[in-house]
Amino acid sequence: METATQIIIFIVALAFSAGFLALVIVLVPAIRELRALLSDLRMTSSEVRELTEELNRISSSVGGKLDGFGGMLSKSQRISSNLGTALNLLSKLPFTKVEWLALIPAVMWGWKAVSKLKRRKNERQQ
């Protein structure tokens, strides 16, 4: 082989070696970073699973409480409708005005006066 061929082969081998060395220098830290990322991904995945399980427990607990809340809501609706009906009936009565309430003591006073008069009349007749 000639010297020029050997030099060309040597330069090509040196270029391949330098390229391989550069590739190793670049890829080794990248591989280490990928391994670190993979371990972080595993930890994150396990945390996500735990959080999902906790979320499912909370969801079922809240669902049970919401069922009870729905019952309370329907009962309170029934109570409020009954109360509305009762207030509607009270508003139709003639005793809703305050003036009628003022007549109650006057009627009682008059009733007592009339009963005293009747008693005195009965006492005089006997």
Protein backbone atom coordinates (compact mmCIF):
# COMPACT_ATOMS: atom_id res chain seq x y z
CA MET A 1 0.00 0.00 0.00
CA GLU A 2 1.16 3.41 -0.74
CA THR A 3 1.80 6.03 1.85
CA ALA A 4 -0.98 8.29 0.60
CA THR A 5 -3.53 5.48 0.94
CA GLN A 6 -2.33 4.73 4.44
CA ILE A 7 -2.59 8.38 5.40
CA ILE A 8 -6.14 8.60 3.99
CA ILE A 9 -7.14 5.40 5.80
CA PHE A 10 -5.55 6.74 9.00
CA ILE A 11 -7.41 10.08 8.69
CA VAL A 12 -10.72 8.30 7.98
CA ALA A 13 -10.16 5.97 10.97
CA LEU A 14 -9.22 8.96 13.11
CA ALA A 15 -12.40 10.78 11.97
CA PHE A 16 -14.51 7.71 12.77
CA SER A 17 -12.83 7.39 16.16
CA ALA A 18 -13.34 11.09 16.90
CA GLY A 19 -16.97 10.84 15.81
CA PHE A 20 -17.52 7.78 17.95
CA LEU A 21 -15.80 9.48 20.89
CA ALA A 22 -17.96 12.60 20.40
CA LEU A 23 -21.05 10.40 20.15
CA VAL A 24 -20.15 8.61 23.39
CA ILE A 25 -19.39 11.89 25.14
CA VAL A 26 -22.78 13.29 24.10
CA LEU A 27 -24.87 10.14 24.57
CA VAL A 28 -23.60 8.96 27.97
CA PRO A 29 -24.93 12.02 29.87
CA ALA A 30 -28.12 11.86 27.81
CA ILE A 31 -28.58 8.22 28.79
CA ARG A 32 -27.98 9.11 32.45
CA GLU A 33 -30.58 11.88 32.19
CA LEU A 34 -33.01 9.48 30.55
CA ARG A 35 -32.52 6.99 33.41
CA ALA A 36 -33.14 9.75 35.96
CA LEU A 37 -36.24 10.82 34.06
CA LEU A 38 -37.46 7.23 33.94
CA SER A 39 -37.08 6.83 37.70
CA ASP A 40 -38.89 10.14 38.24
CA LEU A 41 -41.61 8.94 35.87
CA ARG A 42 -42.01 5.75 37.90
CA MET A 43 -42.32 7.71 41.15
CA THR A 44 -44.77 10.15 39.57
CA SER A 45 -46.80 7.28 38.17
CA SER A 46 -47.07 5.63 41.60
CA GLU A 47 -48.06 8.96 43.17
CA VAL A 48 -50.70 9.43 40.48
CA ARG A 49 -52.09 5.96 41.21
CA GLU A 50 -52.26 6.74 44.94
CA LEU A 51 -53.93 10.09 44.28
CA THR A 52 -56.41 8.43 41.92
CA GLU A 53 -57.32 5.87 44.59
CA GLU A 54 -57.74 8.65 47.15
CA LEU A 55 -59.85 10.63 44.70
CA ASN A 56 -62.07 7.59 44.15
CA ARG A 57 -62.54 7.21 47.92
CA ILE A 58 -63.37 10.90 48.29
CA SER A 59 -65.74 10.75 45.33
CA SER A 60 -67.66 7.80 46.81
CA SER A 61 -67.80 9.54 50.20
CA VAL A 62 -69.09 12.76 48.66
CA GLY A 63 -71.56 10.79 46.55
CA GLY A 64 -73.01 9.18 49.68
CA LYS A 65 -73.26 12.54 51.40
CA LEU A 66 -74.92 14.06 48.33
CA ASP A 67 -77.56 11.33 48.41
CA GLY A 68 -78.37 12.31 52.00
CA PHE A 69 -78.37 15.95 50.98
CA GLY A 70 -80.84 15.22 48.21
CA GLY A 71 -83.22 13.67 50.74
CA MET A 72 -82.90 16.67 53.01
CA LEU A 73 -83.50 18.98 50.06
CA SER A 74 -86.69 17.16 49.05
CA LYS A 75 -87.96 17.23 52.65
CA SER A 76 -87.22 20.94 52.97
CA GLN A 77 -89.03 21.54 49.68
CA ARG A 78 -92.07 19.70 51.02
CA ILE A 79 -91.93 21.69 54.28
CA SER A 80 -91.64 25.00 52.45
CA SER A 81 -94.58 24.15 50.15
CA ASN A 82 -96.71 23.17 53.18
CA LEU A 83 -95.67 26.37 54.94
CA GLY A 84 -96.56 28.39 51.84
CA THR A 85 -99.99 26.75 51.73
CA ALA A 86 -100.56 27.51 55.41
CA LEU A 87 -99.49 31.13 54.99
CA ASN A 88 -101.76 31.43 51.97
CA LEU A 89 -104.70 30.20 54.03
CA LEU A 90 -103.84 32.60 56.84
CA SER A 91 -103.68 35.51 54.43
CA LYS A 92 -107.24 34.77 53.27
CA LEU A 93 -108.70 34.82 56.79
CA PRO A 94 -110.43 38.02 57.92
CA PHE A 95 -108.27 38.19 61.07
CA THR A 96 -105.15 39.12 59.20
CA LYS A 97 -105.49 42.82 59.93
CA VAL A 98 -104.23 44.17 63.23
CA GLU A 99 -107.46 46.06 63.91
CA TRP A 100 -109.28 42.78 64.56
CA LEU A 101 -106.77 41.91 67.24
CA ALA A 102 -107.59 45.17 69.03
CA LEU A 103 -111.25 44.13 69.23
CA ILE A 104 -110.50 40.96 71.20
CA PRO A 105 -109.89 42.74 74.57
CA ALA A 106 -112.88 44.99 73.94
CA VAL A 107 -115.15 42.01 73.29
CA MET A 108 -113.86 40.25 76.41
CA TRP A 109 -114.41 43.41 78.50
CA GLY A 110 -117.91 43.73 77.12
CA TRP A 111 -118.62 40.04 77.80
CA LYS A 112 -117.52 40.45 81.42
CA ALA A 113 -119.64 43.58 81.80
CA VAL A 114 -122.71 41.83 80.40
CA SER A 115 -122.17 38.80 82.64
CA LYS A 116 -121.88 41.09 85.71
CA LEU A 117 -125.10 42.84 84.75
CA LYS A 118 -126.89 39.49 84.35
CA ARG A 119 -125.55 38.31 87.70
CA ARG A 120 -126.73 41.48 89.47
CA LYS A 121 -130.11 41.20 87.80
CA ASN A 122 -130.41 37.58 88.95
CA GLU A 123 -129.38 38.56 92.49
CA ARG A 124 -132.06 41.33 92.64
CA GLN A 125 -134.76 38.98 91.40
CA GLN A 126 -134.06 36.42 94.09
